[in-house]
Protein backbone atom coordinates (compact mmCIF):
# COMPACT_ATOMS: atom_id res chain seq x y z
CA UNK A 1 -27.98 149.50 59.78
CA UNK A 2 -28.03 149.94 56.28
CA UNK A 3 -24.74 151.38 56.18
CA UNK A 4 -22.94 148.85 58.23
CA UNK A 5 -24.54 146.09 55.79
CA UNK A 6 -23.56 148.74 52.80
CA UNK A 7 -20.28 149.25 53.32
CA UNK A 8 -20.10 145.11 53.81
CA UNK A 9 -21.27 144.31 50.84
CA UNK A 10 -18.91 146.70 48.95
CA UNK A 11 -15.91 145.79 50.92
CA UNK A 12 -17.01 142.41 50.07
CA UNK A 13 -17.15 143.18 46.39
CA UNK A 14 -13.53 145.23 46.71
CA UNK A 15 -11.84 142.41 48.44
CA UNK A 16 -13.52 139.86 45.19
CA UNK A 17 -12.56 141.87 42.78
CA UNK A 18 -8.61 141.79 44.17
CA UNK A 19 -8.93 138.04 44.71
CA UNK A 20 -9.79 137.65 41.24
CA UNK A 21 -7.99 139.77 39.45
CA UNK A 22 -4.90 138.09 41.74
CA UNK A 23 -5.15 134.94 41.43
CA UNK A 24 -7.27 134.15 38.62
CA UNK A 25 -5.85 136.45 36.19
CA UNK A 26 -1.91 136.91 37.19
CA UNK A 27 -1.66 133.21 39.03
CA UNK A 28 -3.35 130.87 36.41
CA UNK A 29 -6.00 130.24 34.20
CA UNK A 30 -9.56 128.41 34.43
CA UNK A 31 -8.71 125.58 32.13
CA UNK A 32 -12.80 124.65 32.69
CA UNK A 33 -13.83 127.33 30.41
CA UNK A 34 -10.89 130.17 29.15
CA UNK A 35 -12.27 129.10 25.83
CA UNK A 36 -15.49 130.92 25.74
CA UNK A 37 -13.06 134.27 26.98
CA UNK A 38 -9.87 133.64 24.74
CA UNK A 39 -9.53 134.04 21.55
CA UNK A 40 -8.43 130.74 19.27
CA UNK A 41 -5.44 132.95 18.62
CA UNK A 42 -4.69 133.10 22.36
CA UNK A 43 -5.64 129.25 22.85
CA UNK A 44 -2.62 128.01 20.54
CA UNK A 45 0.37 129.84 22.20
CA UNK A 46 1.72 127.09 25.01
CA UNK A 47 0.88 128.27 28.81
CA UNK A 48 3.94 128.99 30.88
CA UNK A 49 2.96 128.56 34.58
CA UNK A 50 5.78 130.88 35.91
CA UNK A 51 3.80 132.64 39.56
CA UNK A 52 2.78 129.74 40.97
CA UNK A 53 6.60 128.35 41.56
CA UNK A 54 7.31 131.78 42.30
CA UNK A 55 4.45 132.52 44.74
CA UNK A 56 5.35 129.13 46.90
CA UNK A 57 8.98 129.91 47.47
CA UNK A 58 8.03 133.88 48.45
CA UNK A 59 5.54 131.78 51.02
CA UNK A 60 7.53 129.54 52.31
CA UNK A 61 10.24 132.27 52.56
CA UNK A 62 7.96 134.18 54.56
CA UNK A 63 7.25 132.19 56.66
CA UNK A 64 10.70 130.80 57.90
CA UNK A 65 11.73 134.38 58.80
CA UNK A 66 12.83 135.70 61.54
CA UNK A 67 10.66 138.58 61.99
CA UNK A 68 7.40 135.99 61.23
CA UNK A 69 7.94 134.19 63.70
CA UNK A 70 8.64 136.91 65.88
CA UNK A 71 5.38 138.93 64.65
CA UNK A 72 3.53 135.68 65.35
CA UNK A 73 4.77 134.62 68.96
CA UNK A 74 3.79 138.58 69.74
CA UNK A 75 0.59 138.89 68.75
CA UNK A 76 0.48 135.05 69.99
CA UNK A 77 1.52 136.76 73.13
CA UNK A 78 -1.36 139.81 73.03
CA UNK A 79 -3.75 137.79 72.50
CA UNK A 80 -2.88 135.31 75.30
CA UNK A 81 -2.79 138.14 78.19
CA UNK A 82 -6.41 139.45 76.61
CA UNK A 83 -7.25 136.92 77.15
CA UNK A 84 -6.34 136.05 80.21
CA UNK A 85 -7.51 138.96 81.56
CA UNK A 86 -11.06 138.60 80.61
CA UNK A 87 -10.93 135.52 82.47
CA UNK A 88 -9.90 137.32 85.67
CA UNK A 89 -11.55 140.46 85.19
CA UNK A 90 -14.62 139.42 84.26
CA UNK A 91 -16.18 139.22 87.82
CA UNK A 92 -14.72 142.93 88.92
CA UNK A 93 -16.54 144.25 85.81
CA UNK A 94 -19.50 142.51 86.03
CA UNK A 95 -19.53 142.33 82.06
CA UNK A 96 -22.97 140.49 80.57
CA UNK A 97 -22.40 137.58 77.72
């Protein structure tokens, strides 16, 4: 049990670190407290928001792609078959809830 908790906390810490690096550092900035962490010379330079539009276009292209639609349909079909199997075979295998 302790090992599972430790592994879960390590996983959470790693994911939060990756999210911080990708979202805050690469795709945006925090207007409310960025002056606490940046030097005045950096604050005077103009900010160019070029990553957010690129990320938006990438996500839209990915969602409209045929491969993504096919993968989504396969996953939905697999999950549907799994649920139907569970609903029909639960009495045979004596699975307690």
